[in-house]
Amino acid sequence: RSMQNEVEEIEELHKMKDNFYEAKKMEMKEFKEMSDKFVVKCELEVETLRNGVNELRSSFTDLKSNKRNSCNSEIAAAEARRLRLLAEKENIVNCAWHQSTCTATVYLA
């Protein structure tokens, strides 16, 4: 009788062990599925962030280009104004010189 009890206990232990390993196997399978989903989610998020960074870089490059073009047009406008003012100054100097020459000629005559 005692030998049969030991056999039953051993069989019961084997069942418990099998149930334990089956439960752990299910836990590992669920964990793997969750981790696979997490990896996919992270990859998508990284791709989204990468796209966002690329858009920001593009916008920044466009802004720098626009600013440079804006500065260039402002510089060109300032240069044109400077040239106009120099031309006006030269006209004024020429007129003043011409008038003083004419006046001197009148006085000499």
Protein backbone atom coordinates (compact mmCIF):
# COMPACT_ATOMS: atom_id res chain seq x y z
CA ARG A 1 0.00 0.00 0.00
CA SER A 2 2.75 2.49 0.84
CA MET A 3 4.42 1.87 -2.52
CA GLN A 4 1.17 2.75 -4.29
CA ASN A 5 0.91 5.95 -2.22
CA GLU A 6 4.40 6.94 -3.27
CA VAL A 7 3.59 6.27 -6.93
CA GLU A 8 0.43 8.37 -6.65
CA GLU A 9 2.38 11.17 -4.95
CA ILE A 10 5.01 11.05 -7.69
CA GLU A 11 2.33 11.11 -10.39
CA GLU A 12 0.65 14.03 -8.62
CA LEU A 13 4.01 15.86 -8.46
CA HIS A 14 4.53 15.23 -12.18
CA LYS A 15 1.06 16.66 -12.90
CA MET A 16 1.80 19.70 -10.73
CA LYS A 17 5.16 20.15 -12.44
CA ASP A 18 3.55 19.83 -15.90
CA ASN A 19 0.84 22.33 -14.94
CA PHE A 20 3.48 24.71 -13.56
CA TYR A 21 5.56 24.52 -16.76
CA GLU A 22 2.46 24.88 -18.93
CA ALA A 23 1.47 28.02 -16.98
CA LYS A 24 5.00 29.42 -17.30
CA LYS A 25 5.00 28.61 -21.02
CA MET A 26 1.74 30.56 -21.43
CA GLU A 27 3.16 33.49 -19.43
CA MET A 28 6.27 33.52 -21.63
CA LYS A 29 4.14 33.38 -24.79
CA GLU A 30 1.99 36.30 -23.57
CA PHE A 31 5.11 38.23 -22.57
CA LYS A 32 6.68 37.64 -26.01
CA GLU A 33 3.48 38.82 -27.75
CA MET A 34 3.37 41.94 -25.56
CA SER A 35 7.07 42.65 -26.12
CA ASP A 36 6.67 42.17 -29.90
CA LYS A 37 3.77 44.64 -29.90
CA PHE A 38 5.86 47.05 -27.81
CA VAL A 39 8.76 46.79 -30.27
CA VAL A 40 6.45 47.53 -33.22
CA LYS A 41 4.92 50.46 -31.35
CA CYS A 42 8.38 51.84 -30.52
CA GLU A 43 9.56 51.43 -34.10
CA LEU A 44 6.52 53.35 -35.35
CA GLU A 45 7.10 56.06 -32.77
CA VAL A 46 10.77 56.32 -33.73
CA GLU A 47 9.79 56.59 -37.39
CA THR A 48 7.25 59.30 -36.54
CA LEU A 49 9.84 61.21 -34.53
CA ARG A 50 12.40 60.80 -37.31
CA ASN A 51 9.91 62.23 -39.82
CA GLY A 52 9.20 65.12 -37.44
CA VAL A 53 12.91 65.86 -37.11
CA ASN A 54 13.31 65.80 -40.89
CA GLU A 55 10.38 68.22 -41.28
CA LEU A 56 11.88 70.54 -38.67
CA ARG A 57 15.27 70.43 -40.41
CA SER A 58 13.61 71.23 -43.72
CA SER A 59 11.66 74.11 -42.17
CA PHE A 60 14.80 75.42 -40.49
CA THR A 61 16.71 75.26 -43.79
CA ASP A 62 13.85 77.09 -45.53
CA LEU A 63 13.79 79.75 -42.81
CA LYS A 64 17.55 80.26 -43.06
CA SER A 65 17.27 80.53 -46.84
CA ASN A 66 14.36 83.00 -46.59
CA LYS A 67 16.23 85.05 -44.02
CA ARG A 68 19.32 85.07 -46.20
CA ASN A 69 17.23 86.09 -49.22
CA SER A 70 15.46 88.72 -47.15
CA CYS A 71 18.79 90.08 -45.94
CA ASN A 72 20.12 90.04 -49.50
CA SER A 73 17.11 91.99 -50.78
CA GLU A 74 17.43 94.46 -47.89
CA ILE A 75 21.13 94.86 -48.65
CA ALA A 76 20.37 95.36 -52.35
CA ALA A 77 17.72 97.98 -51.51
CA ALA A 78 20.11 99.79 -49.17
CA GLU A 79 22.86 99.71 -51.80
CA ALA A 80 20.47 101.13 -54.42
CA ARG A 81 19.46 103.92 -52.02
CA ARG A 82 23.13 104.63 -51.26
CA LEU A 83 23.87 104.92 -54.98
CA ARG A 84 20.88 107.26 -55.47
CA LEU A 85 22.06 109.44 -52.59
CA LEU A 86 25.61 109.51 -53.97
CA ALA A 87 24.25 110.54 -57.38
CA GLU A 88 22.16 113.30 -55.77
CA LYS A 89 25.18 114.45 -53.78
CA GLU A 90 27.29 114.56 -56.93
CA ASN A 91 24.55 116.54 -58.70
CA ILE A 92 24.42 119.01 -55.83
CA VAL A 93 28.22 119.34 -55.76
CA ASN A 94 28.33 119.77 -59.55
CA CYS A 95 25.58 122.38 -59.45
CA ALA A 96 27.27 124.22 -56.61
CA TRP A 97 30.63 124.09 -58.39
CA HIS A 98 29.03 125.17 -61.66
CA GLN A 99 27.25 128.07 -59.95
CA SER A 100 30.43 129.21 -58.22
CA THR A 101 32.30 129.05 -61.54
CA CYS A 102 29.54 131.01 -63.24
CA THR A 103 29.53 133.54 -60.43
CA ALA A 104 33.32 133.84 -60.55
CA THR A 105 33.17 134.36 -64.29
CA VAL A 106 30.55 137.05 -63.82
CA TYR A 107 32.71 138.78 -61.23
CA LEU A 108 35.74 138.52 -63.48
CA ALA A 109 33.89 139.99 -66.43
